Protein backbone atom coordinates (compact mmCIF):
# COMPACT_ATOMS: atom_id res chain seq x y z
CA MET A 1 105.38 108.72 94.29
CA THR A 2 108.81 108.40 95.87
CA PRO A 3 110.19 105.52 98.29
CA ASP A 4 110.10 107.86 101.03
CA GLN A 5 106.54 108.33 100.47
CA LYS A 6 105.21 104.77 100.31
CA ALA A 7 101.60 104.36 101.74
CA ARG A 8 101.26 102.87 104.86
CA ALA A 9 98.67 100.57 104.17
CA LEU A 10 98.12 98.34 101.03
CA PRO A 11 94.64 96.73 99.95
CA VAL A 12 94.21 93.31 100.21
CA ILE A 13 91.39 91.74 98.02
CA ASP A 14 89.42 88.67 99.44
CA PRO A 15 88.65 86.77 96.09
CA GLY A 16 85.95 84.76 97.94
CA ARG A 17 84.01 88.05 98.37
CA CYS A 18 85.03 89.84 95.04
CA THR A 19 82.33 89.66 92.62
CA GLY A 20 84.39 91.70 89.99
CA CYS A 21 81.92 94.66 89.87
CA GLY A 22 84.72 97.01 88.95
CA TRP A 23 83.87 99.53 91.21
CA CYS A 24 87.52 99.69 93.25
CA VAL A 25 89.27 99.92 89.68
CA ALA A 26 86.75 102.96 88.90
CA VAL A 27 88.03 104.82 92.09
CA CYS A 28 91.50 104.12 91.79
CA ALA A 29 93.08 107.82 90.93
CA PRO A 30 96.82 106.16 90.69
CA HIS A 31 95.08 103.33 88.40
CA VAL A 32 96.80 100.51 90.66
CA LEU A 33 94.08 98.10 90.37
CA SER A 34 92.55 96.00 87.70
CA LEU A 35 90.20 93.21 87.10
CA HIS A 36 91.57 89.62 85.92
CA ALA A 37 89.68 86.65 84.98
CA ARG A 38 90.44 83.44 87.08
CA GLY A 39 88.84 80.31 87.00
CA GLY A 40 86.14 81.78 85.00
CA ARG A 41 85.19 84.82 86.99
CA LYS A 42 86.57 88.32 87.14
CA THR A 43 87.95 89.42 90.43
CA SER A 44 89.99 92.80 91.17
CA ALA A 45 93.96 92.54 91.67
CA LEU A 46 96.42 95.20 92.96
CA HIS A 47 99.04 94.98 90.01
CA ASP A 48 101.47 97.92 91.16
CA ALA A 49 101.73 97.89 94.96
CA ALA A 50 104.82 100.49 94.66
CA GLY A 51 102.25 103.19 92.82
CA CYS A 52 99.51 102.74 95.54
CA THR A 53 98.94 105.98 97.69
CA GLY A 54 96.87 104.10 100.39
CA CYS A 55 94.06 106.30 100.10
CA ALA A 56 91.67 103.29 100.80
CA LEU A 57 89.01 104.64 98.17
CA CYS A 58 88.83 101.12 97.09
CA ALA A 59 87.97 99.73 100.34
CA LEU A 60 85.56 102.33 100.85
CA ARG A 61 83.64 102.11 97.99
CA CYS A 62 83.56 98.28 97.82
CA PRO A 63 79.82 97.15 98.00
CA PHE A 64 81.02 93.69 99.09
CA GLY A 65 83.60 94.31 101.95
CA ALA A 66 85.93 92.55 99.96
CA ILE A 67 88.73 94.82 100.54
CA ALA A 68 90.95 95.58 103.39
CA MET A 69 93.80 97.99 104.16
CA VAL A 70 96.59 96.08 105.78
CA ARG A 71 99.30 97.88 107.01
CA ARG A 72 102.60 97.62 105.18
CA GLN A 73 105.13 96.22 107.14
CA PRO A 74 108.58 98.22 107.90
CA PRO A 75 111.69 96.60 106.18
CA GLN A 76 113.53 94.66 108.63
CA VAL A 77 117.23 95.89 109.34
CA LEU A 78 119.65 93.12 110.06
CA GLN A 79 122.60 94.46 112.18
CA PHE A 80 125.67 92.57 112.43
CA CYS A 81 128.02 92.49 115.13
């Protein structure tokens, strides 16, 4: 994915709802999600935001509603006089 083709939205994972089942990781075609052990339990994590296509398959597949697609903020351009 080139810089001009960045995803418009990225997955945000709610660790309180994520059970670490791995369904989101399984459907992620660009392989930017992975399971991480945190505090004795597994949760999903986005480890490569630049590689995410924003397809939202992870959010659609999550049976626990733990993933929300959040619009990427456009870069702020500062202009000086």
